[in-house]
């Protein structure tokens, strides 16, 4: 192989390697963007889960307050039952 042929072969290999590196860099950027998006989704999901876990506690205490106030306010036991 003469020197010029070797140079051409090396240049072709260089082009192939540069193209491969460019494609890998693009994939790397896409992967990073996907990871960032998924992190945001996960954060939102965790926030919703936390709120959902807190709501039953608040709802239970509200229900207990409502039941307590209803039983305290309701003095219908002393009154006779009336038909409309």
PDB file of N, CA and C in Angstrom:
ATOM      1  N   UNK A   1       0.867  -1.173   0.000  1.00  0.00           N
ATOM      2  CA  UNK A   1       0.000   0.000   0.000  1.00  0.00           C
ATOM      3  C   UNK A   1       0.913   1.236   0.000  1.00  0.00           C
ATOM      4  N   UNK A   2       0.605   2.128  -0.868  1.00  0.00           N
ATOM      5  CA  UNK A   2       1.444   3.322  -0.916  1.00  0.00           C
ATOM      6  C   UNK A   2       0.956   4.334   0.111  1.00  0.00           C
ATOM      7  N   UNK A   3       1.749   5.314   0.321  1.00  0.00           N
ATOM      8  CA  UNK A   3       1.489   6.314   1.358  1.00  0.00           C
ATOM      9  C   UNK A   3       0.156   7.041   1.147  1.00  0.00           C
ATOM     10  N   UNK A   4      -0.187   7.382  -0.058  1.00  0.00           N
ATOM     11  CA  UNK A   4      -1.442   8.087  -0.337  1.00  0.00           C
ATOM     12  C   UNK A   4      -2.658   7.211  -0.022  1.00  0.00           C
ATOM     13  N   UNK A   5      -2.580   5.935  -0.336  1.00  0.00           N
ATOM     14  CA  UNK A   5      -3.682   5.017  -0.045  1.00  0.00           C
ATOM     15  C   UNK A   5      -3.865   4.862   1.465  1.00  0.00           C
ATOM     16  N   UNK A   6      -2.755   4.791   2.170  1.00  0.00           N
ATOM     17  CA  UNK A   6      -2.826   4.702   3.628  1.00  0.00           C
ATOM     18  C   UNK A   6      -3.455   5.962   4.218  1.00  0.00           C
ATOM     19  N   UNK A   7      -3.076   7.099   3.658  1.00  0.00           N
ATOM     20  CA  UNK A   7      -3.641   8.371   4.133  1.00  0.00           C
ATOM     21  C   UNK A   7      -5.142   8.410   3.890  1.00  0.00           C
ATOM     22  N   UNK A   8      -5.591   7.986   2.710  1.00  0.00           N
ATOM     23  CA  UNK A   8      -7.017   7.969   2.388  1.00  0.00           C
ATOM     24  C   UNK A   8      -7.773   7.015   3.314  1.00  0.00           C
ATOM     25  N   UNK A   9      -7.208   5.878   3.583  1.00  0.00           N
ATOM     26  CA  UNK A   9      -7.839   4.912   4.476  1.00  0.00           C
ATOM     27  C   UNK A   9      -7.962   5.503   5.878  1.00  0.00           C
ATOM     28  N   UNK A  10      -6.923   6.155   6.340  1.00  0.00           N
ATOM     29  CA  UNK A  10      -6.967   6.801   7.665  1.00  0.00           C
ATOM     30  C   UNK A  10      -7.998   7.919   7.701  1.00  0.00           C
ATOM     31  N   UNK A  11      -8.115   8.682   6.648  1.00  0.00           N
ATOM     32  CA  UNK A  11      -9.103   9.768   6.591  1.00  0.00           C
ATOM     33  C   UNK A  11     -10.532   9.206   6.623  1.00  0.00           C
ATOM     34  N   UNK A  12     -10.770   8.094   5.931  1.00  0.00           N
ATOM     35  CA  UNK A  12     -12.088   7.461   5.950  1.00  0.00           C
ATOM     36  C   UNK A  12     -12.408   6.945   7.350  1.00  0.00           C
ATOM     37  N   UNK A  13     -11.425   6.324   7.977  1.00  0.00           N
ATOM     38  CA  UNK A  13     -11.627   5.855   9.346  1.00  0.00           C
ATOM     39  C   UNK A  13     -11.919   7.028  10.278  1.00  0.00           C
ATOM     40  N   UNK A  14     -11.214   8.121  10.071  1.00  0.00           N
ATOM     41  CA  UNK A  14     -11.431   9.322  10.876  1.00  0.00           C
ATOM     42  C   UNK A  14     -12.849   9.857  10.692  1.00  0.00           C
ATOM     43  N   UNK A  15     -13.339   9.890   9.459  1.00  0.00           N
ATOM     44  CA  UNK A  15     -14.704  10.345   9.189  1.00  0.00           C
ATOM     45  C   UNK A  15     -15.726   9.450   9.890  1.00  0.00           C
ATOM     46  N   UNK A  16     -15.492   8.139   9.810  1.00  0.00           N
ATOM     47  CA  UNK A  16     -16.398   7.186  10.447  1.00  0.00           C
ATOM     48  C   UNK A  16     -16.406   7.399  11.957  1.00  0.00           C
ATOM     49  N   UNK A  17     -15.212   7.557  12.541  1.00  0.00           N
ATOM     50  CA  UNK A  17     -15.117   7.777  13.982  1.00  0.00           C
ATOM     51  C   UNK A  17     -15.773   9.095  14.398  1.00  0.00           C
ATOM     52  N   UNK A  18     -15.587  10.137  13.625  1.00  0.00           N
ATOM     53  CA  UNK A  18     -16.198  11.437  13.938  1.00  0.00           C
ATOM     54  C   UNK A  18     -17.717  11.344  13.864  1.00  0.00           C
ATOM     55  N   UNK A  19     -18.213  10.634  12.863  1.00  0.00           N
ATOM     56  CA  UNK A  19     -19.660  10.452  12.725  1.00  0.00           C
ATOM     57  C   UNK A  19     -20.209   9.653  13.915  1.00  0.00           C
ATOM     58  N   UNK A  20     -19.493   8.606  14.294  1.00  0.00           N
ATOM     59  CA  UNK A  20     -19.905   7.786  15.434  1.00  0.00           C
ATOM     60  C   UNK A  20     -19.919   8.611  16.720  1.00  0.00           C
ATOM     61  N   UNK A  21     -18.864   9.402  16.928  1.00  0.00           N
ATOM     62  CA  UNK A  21     -18.805  10.258  18.119  1.00  0.00           C
ATOM     63  C   UNK A  21     -19.949  11.261  18.141  1.00  0.00           C
ATOM     64  N   UNK A  22     -20.262  11.830  16.987  1.00  0.00           N
ATOM     65  CA  UNK A  22     -21.354  12.799  16.894  1.00  0.00           C
ATOM     66  C   UNK A  22     -22.688  12.137  17.234  1.00  0.00           C
ATOM     67  N   UNK A  23     -22.917  10.940  16.713  1.00  0.00           N
ATOM     68  CA  UNK A  23     -24.159  10.219  17.004  1.00  0.00           C
ATOM     69  C   UNK A  23     -24.249   9.862  18.482  1.00  0.00           C
ATOM     70  N   UNK A  24     -23.125   9.439  19.068  1.00  0.00           N
ATOM     71  CA  UNK A  24     -23.123   9.092  20.489  1.00  0.00           C
ATOM     72  C   UNK A  24     -23.352  10.329  21.363  1.00  0.00           C
ATOM     73  N   UNK A  25     -22.802  11.456  20.957  1.00  0.00           N
ATOM     74  CA  UNK A  25     -23.030  12.688  21.705  1.00  0.00           C
ATOM     75  C   UNK A  25     -24.499  13.087  21.654  1.00  0.00           C
ATOM     76  N   UNK A  26     -25.099  12.916  20.489  1.00  0.00           N
ATOM     77  CA  UNK A  26     -26.521  13.228  20.337  1.00  0.00           C
ATOM     78  C   UNK A  26     -27.364  12.305  21.217  1.00  0.00           C
ATOM     79  N   UNK A  27     -27.041  11.004  21.206  1.00  0.00           N
ATOM     80  CA  UNK A  27     -27.766  10.049  22.058  1.00  0.00           C
ATOM     81  C   UNK A  27     -27.581  10.388  23.534  1.00  0.00           C
ATOM     82  N   UNK A  28     -26.370  10.810  23.874  1.00  0.00           N
ATOM     83  CA  UNK A  28     -26.090  11.182  25.262  1.00  0.00           C
ATOM     84  C   UNK A  28     -26.955  12.374  25.690  1.00  0.00           C
ATOM     85  N   UNK A  29     -27.070  13.364  24.823  1.00  0.00           N
ATOM     86  CA  UNK A  29     -27.922  14.525  25.127  1.00  0.00           C
ATOM     87  C   UNK A  29     -29.381  14.105  25.265  1.00  0.00           C
ATOM     88  N   UNK A  30     -29.842  13.240  24.380  1.00  0.00           N
ATOM     89  CA  UNK A  30     -31.224  12.764  24.452  1.00  0.00           C
ATOM     90  C   UNK A  30     -31.468  11.996  25.749  1.00  0.00           C
ATOM     91  N   UNK A  31     -30.503  11.175  26.116  1.00  0.00           N
ATOM     92  CA  UNK A  31     -30.628  10.403  27.349  1.00  0.00           C
ATOM     93  C   UNK A  31     -30.676  11.330  28.560  1.00  0.00           C
ATOM     94  N   UNK A  32     -29.836  12.350  28.559  1.00  0.00           N
ATOM     95  CA  UNK A  32     -29.841  13.311  29.670  1.00  0.00           C
ATOM     96  C   UNK A  32     -31.175  14.044  29.748  1.00  0.00           C
ATOM     97  N   UNK A  33     -31.705  14.428  28.600  1.00  0.00           N
ATOM     98  CA  UNK A  33     -33.004  15.111  28.572  1.00  0.00           C
ATOM     99  C   UNK A  33     -34.107  14.186  29.081  1.00  0.00           C
ATOM    100  N   UNK A  34     -34.071  12.916  28.677  1.00  0.00           N
ATOM    101  CA  UNK A  34     -35.067  11.957  29.155  1.00  0.00           C
ATOM    102  C   UNK A  34     -34.950  11.763  30.666  1.00  0.00           C
ATOM    103  N   UNK A  35     -33.726  11.664  31.155  1.00  0.00           N
ATOM    104  CA  UNK A  35     -33.526  11.500  32.595  1.00  0.00           C
ATOM    105  C   UNK A  35     -34.052  12.703  33.371  1.00  0.00           C
ATOM    106  N   UNK A  36     -33.806  13.885  32.851  1.00  0.00           N
ATOM    107  CA  UNK A  36     -34.294  15.101  33.508  1.00  0.00           C
ATOM    108  C   UNK A  36     -35.823  15.109  33.544  1.00  0.00           C
ATOM    109  N   UNK A  37     -36.450  14.743  32.422  1.00  0.00           N
ATOM    110  CA  UNK A  37     -37.905  14.686  32.343  1.00  0.00           C
ATOM    111  C   UNK A  37     -38.454  13.661  33.332  1.00  0.00           C
ATOM    112  N   UNK A  38     -37.817  12.491  33.386  1.00  0.00           N
ATOM    113  CA  UNK A  38     -38.274  11.444  34.299  1.00  0.00           C
ATOM    114  C   UNK A  38     -38.081  11.839  35.756  1.00  0.00           C
ATOM    115  N   UNK A  39     -37.023  12.582  36.047  1.00  0.00           N
ATOM    116  CA  UNK A  39     -36.829  13.063  37.417  1.00  0.00           C
ATOM    117  C   UNK A  39     -37.954  14.012  37.817  1.00  0.00           C
ATOM    118  N   UNK A  40     -38.367  14.869  36.871  1.00  0.00           N
ATOM    119  CA  UNK A  40     -39.482  15.767  37.152  1.00  0.00           C
ATOM    120  C   UNK A  40     -40.767  14.977  37.371  1.00  0.00           C
ATOM    121  N   UNK A  41     -40.990  13.967  36.530  1.00  0.00           N
ATOM    122  CA  UNK A  41     -42.179  13.129  36.694  1.00  0.00           C
ATOM    123  C   UNK A  41     -42.161  12.423  38.039  1.00  0.00           C
ATOM    124  N   UNK A  42     -41.016  11.895  38.409  1.00  0.00           N
ATOM    125  CA  UNK A  42     -40.891  11.192  39.678  1.00  0.00           C
ATOM    126  C   UNK A  42     -41.137  12.143  40.842  1.00  0.00           C
ATOM    127  N   UNK A  43     -40.608  13.358  40.749  1.00  0.00           N
ATOM    128  CA  UNK A  43     -40.838  14.350  41.795  1.00  0.00           C
ATOM    129  C   UNK A  43     -42.316  14.677  41.942  1.00  0.00           C
ATOM    130  N   UNK A  44     -42.997  14.841  40.814  1.00  0.00           N
ATOM    131  CA  UNK A  44     -44.431  15.132  40.856  1.00  0.00           C
ATOM    132  C   UNK A  44     -45.199  13.955  41.434  1.00  0.00           C
ATOM    133  N   UNK A  45     -44.809  12.751  41.051  1.00  0.00           N
ATOM    134  CA  UNK A  45     -45.481  11.552  41.570  1.00  0.00           C
ATOM    135  C   UNK A  45     -45.281  11.432  43.078  1.00  0.00           C
ATOM    136  N   UNK A  46     -44.054  11.655  43.530  1.00  0.00           N
ATOM    137  CA  UNK A  46     -43.780  11.575  44.961  1.00  0.00           C
ATOM    138  C   UNK A  46     -44.571  12.625  45.737  1.00  0.00           C
ATOM    139  N   UNK A  47     -44.697  13.808  45.149  1.00  0.00           N
ATOM    140  CA  UNK A  47     -45.464  14.871  45.796  1.00  0.00           C
ATOM    141  C   UNK A  47     -46.941  14.477  45.898  1.00  0.00           C
ATOM    142  N   UNK A  48     -47.489  13.934  44.817  1.00  0.00           N
ATOM    143  CA  UNK A  48     -48.882  13.481  44.833  1.00  0.00           C
ATOM    144  C   UNK A  48     -49.086  12.365  45.843  1.00  0.00           C
ATOM    145  N   UNK A  49     -48.138  11.447  45.890  1.00  0.00           N
ATOM    146  CA  UNK A  49     -48.231  10.326  46.829  1.00  0.00           C
ATOM    147  C   UNK A  49     -48.205  10.836  48.260  1.00  0.00           C
ATOM    148  N   UNK A  50     -47.313  11.786  48.517  1.00  0.00           N
ATOM    149  CA  UNK A  50     -47.229  12.348  49.862  1.00  0.00           C
ATOM    150  C   UNK A  50     -48.536  13.050  50.231  1.00  0.00           C
ATOM    151  N   UNK A  51     -49.094  13.823  49.309  1.00  0.00           N
ATOM    152  CA  UNK A  51     -50.357  14.502  49.580  1.00  0.00           C
ATOM    153  C   UNK A  51     -51.476  13.494  49.797  1.00  0.00           C
ATOM    154  N   UNK A  52     -51.487  12.432  48.992  1.00  0.00           N
ATOM    155  CA  UNK A  52     -52.528  11.415  49.144  1.00  0.00           C
ATOM    156  C   UNK A  52     -52.406  10.719  50.498  1.00  0.00           C
ATOM    157  N   UNK A  53     -51.188  10.534  50.959  1.00  0.00           N
ATOM    158  CA  UNK A  53     -50.985   9.897  52.263  1.00  0.00           C
ATOM    159  C   UNK A  53     -51.378  10.824  53.409  1.00  0.00           C
ATOM    160  N   UNK A  54     -51.248  12.128  53.204  1.00  0.00           N
ATOM    161  CA  UNK A  54     -51.601  13.086  54.251  1.00  0.00           C
ATOM    162  C   UNK A  54     -53.104  13.326  54.308  1.00  0.00           C
ATOM    163  N   UNK A  55     -53.790  13.239  53.172  1.00  0.00           N
ATOM    164  CA  UNK A  55     -55.226  13.515  53.125  1.00  0.00           C
ATOM    165  C   UNK A  55     -56.046  12.607  54.029  1.00  0.00           C
ATOM    166  N   UNK A  56     -55.806  11.299  54.048  1.00  0.00           N
ATOM    167  CA  UNK A  56     -56.609  10.461  54.948  1.00  0.00           C
ATOM    168  C   UNK A  56     -56.455  10.865  56.416  1.00  0.00           C
ATOM    169  N   UNK A  57     -55.275  11.292  56.801  1.00  0.00           N
ATOM    170  CA  UNK A  57     -55.087  11.732  58.183  1.00  0.00           C
ATOM    171  C   UNK A  57     -55.936  12.965  58.462  1.00  0.00           C
ATOM    172  N   UNK A  58     -55.923  13.909  57.540  1.00  0.00           N
ATOM    173  CA  UNK A  58     -56.728  15.118  57.713  1.00  0.00           C
ATOM    174  C   UNK A  58     -58.207  14.777  57.638  1.00  0.00           C
ATOM    175  N   UNK A  59     -58.576  13.910  56.708  1.00  0.00           N
ATOM    176  CA  UNK A  59     -59.983  13.542  56.561  1.00  0.00           C
ATOM    177  C   UNK A  59     -60.483  12.825  57.802  1.00  0.00           C
ATOM    178  N   UNK A  60     -59.675  11.943  58.366  1.00  0.00           N
ATOM    179  CA  UNK A  60     -60.074  11.230  59.576  1.00  0.00           C
ATOM    180  C   UNK A  60     -60.310  12.200  60.723  1.00  0.00           C
ATOM    181  N   UNK A  61     -59.419  13.164  60.897  1.00  0.00           N
ATOM    182  CA  UNK A  61     -59.599  14.105  62.000  1.00  0.00           C
ATOM    183  C   UNK A  61     -60.813  15.001  61.749  1.00  0.00           C
ATOM    184  N   UNK A  62     -61.057  15.366  60.492  1.00  0.00           N
ATOM    185  CA  UNK A  62     -62.246  16.171  60.170  1.00  0.00           C
ATOM    186  C   UNK A  62     -63.513  15.369  60.439  1.00  0.00           C
ATOM    187  N   UNK A  63     -63.496  14.086  60.035  1.00  0.00           N
ATOM    188  CA  UNK A  63     -64.665  13.244  60.275  1.00  0.00           C
ATOM    189  C   UNK A  63     -64.934  13.109  61.762  1.00  0.00           C
ATOM    190  N   UNK A  64     -63.893  12.933  62.541  1.00  0.00           N
ATOM    191  CA  UNK A  64     -64.069  12.803  63.986  1.00  0.00           C
ATOM    192  C   UNK A  64     -64.650  14.087  64.570  1.00  0.00           C
ATOM    193  N   UNK A  65     -64.176  15.232  64.056  1.00  0.00           N
ATOM    194  CA  UNK A  65     -64.723  16.514  64.533  1.00  0.00           C
ATOM    195  C   UNK A  65     -66.197  16.638  64.168  1.00  0.00           C
ATOM    196  N   UNK A  66     -66.528  16.240  62.925  1.00  0.00           N
ATOM    197  CA  UNK A  66     -67.916  16.332  62.490  1.00  0.00           C
ATOM    198  C   UNK A  66     -68.810  15.421  63.324  1.00  0.00           C
ATOM    199  N   UNK A  67     -68.356  14.218  63.578  1.00  0.00           N
ATOM    200  CA  UNK A  67     -69.146  13.279  64.371  1.00  0.00           C
ATOM    201  C   UNK A  67     -69.311  13.823  65.778  1.00  0.00           C
ATOM    202  N   UNK A  68     -68.241  14.348  66.355  1.00  0.00           N
ATOM    203  CA  UNK A  68     -68.317  14.904  67.711  1.00  0.00           C
ATOM    204  C   UNK A  68     -69.280  16.075  67.765  1.00  0.00           C
ATOM    205  N   UNK A  69     -69.155  16.990  66.809  1.00  0.00           N
ATOM    206  CA  UNK A  69     -70.032  18.160  66.840  1.00  0.00           C
ATOM    207  C   UNK A  69     -71.475  17.754  66.561  1.00  0.00           C
ATOM    208  N   UNK A  70     -71.677  16.755  65.706  1.00  0.00           N
ATOM    209  CA  UNK A  70     -73.034  16.314  65.418  1.00  0.00           C
ATOM    210  C   UNK A  70     -73.663  15.681  66.659  1.00  0.00           C
ATOM    211  N   UNK A  71     -72.903  14.889  67.360  1.00  0.00           N
ATOM    212  CA  UNK A  71     -73.468  14.248  68.545  1.00  0.00           C
ATOM    213  C   UNK A  71     -73.697  15.263  69.645  1.00  0.00           C
ATOM    214  N   UNK A  72     -72.832  16.263  69.737  1.00  0.00           N
ATOM    215  CA  UNK A  72     -73.020  17.270  70.771  1.00  0.00           C
ATOM    216  C   UNK A  72     -74.185  18.196  70.436  1.00  0.00           C
ATOM    217  N   UNK A  73     -74.318  18.552  69.162  1.00  0.00           N
ATOM    218  CA  UNK A  73     -75.376  19.468  68.752  1.00  0.00           C
ATOM    219  C   UNK A  73     -76.730  18.789  68.709  1.00  0.00           C
ATOM    220  N   UNK A  74     -76.733  17.523  68.462  1.00  0.00           N
ATOM    221  CA  UNK A  74     -77.993  16.817  68.272  1.00  0.00           C
ATOM    222  C   UNK A  74     -78.602  16.466  69.625  1.00  0.00           C
ATOM    223  N   UNK A  75     -79.691  17.125  69.934  1.00  0.00           N
ATOM    224  CA  UNK A  75     -80.410  16.805  71.170  1.00  0.00           C
ATOM    225  C   UNK A  75     -81.792  16.265  70.825  1.00  0.00           C
ATOM    226  N   UNK A  76     -81.877  15.629  69.658  1.00  0.00           N
ATOM    227  CA  UNK A  76     -83.164  15.126  69.188  1.00  0.00           C
ATOM    228  C   UNK A  76     -83.610  13.905  69.991  1.00  0.00           C
ATOM    229  N   UNK A  77     -82.715  13.338  70.784  1.00  0.00           N
ATOM    230  CA  UNK A  77     -83.117  12.188  71.578  1.00  0.00           C
ATOM    231  C   UNK A  77     -84.168  12.582  72.615  1.00  0.00           C
ATOM    232  N   UNK A  78     -84.114  13.835  73.068  1.00  0.00           N
ATOM    233  CA  UNK A  78     -85.059  14.292  74.077  1.00  0.00           C
ATOM    234  C   UNK A  78     -86.431  14.555  73.460  1.00  0.00           C
ATOM    235  N   UNK A  79     -86.434  14.889  72.135  1.00  0.00           N
ATOM    236  CA  UNK A  79     -87.685  15.220  71.481  1.00  0.00           C
ATOM    237  C   UNK A  79     -88.328  13.955  70.930  1.00  0.00           C
ATOM    238  N   UNK A  80     -89.638  13.878  70.943  1.00  0.00           N
ATOM    239  CA  UNK A  80     -90.302  12.711  70.352  1.00  0.00           C
ATOM    240  C   UNK A  80     -90.203  12.758  68.838  1.00  0.00           C
ATOM    241  N   UNK A  81     -90.269  11.603  68.215  1.00  0.00           N
ATOM    242  CA  UNK A  81     -90.210  11.497  66.761  1.00  0.00           C
ATOM    243  C   UNK A  81     -91.509  12.004  66.166  1.00  0.00           C
ATOM    244  N   UNK A  82     -91.396  12.895  65.156  1.00  0.00           N
ATOM    245  CA  UNK A  82     -92.596  13.461  64.546  1.00  0.00           C
ATOM    246  C   UNK A  82     -92.639  13.107  63.089  1.00  0.00           C
ATOM    247  N   UNK A  83     -93.811  12.786  62.615  1.00  0.00           N
ATOM    248  CA  UNK A  83     -94.038  12.516  61.212  1.00  0.00           C
ATOM    249  C   UNK A  83     -94.463  13.818  60.545  1.00  0.00           C
ATOM    250  N   UNK A  84     -93.968  14.048  59.350  1.00  0.00           N
ATOM    251  CA  UNK A  84     -94.326  15.280  58.665  1.00  0.00           C
ATOM    252  C   UNK A  84     -95.730  15.211  58.101  1.00  0.00           C
TER     253      UNK A  84
END
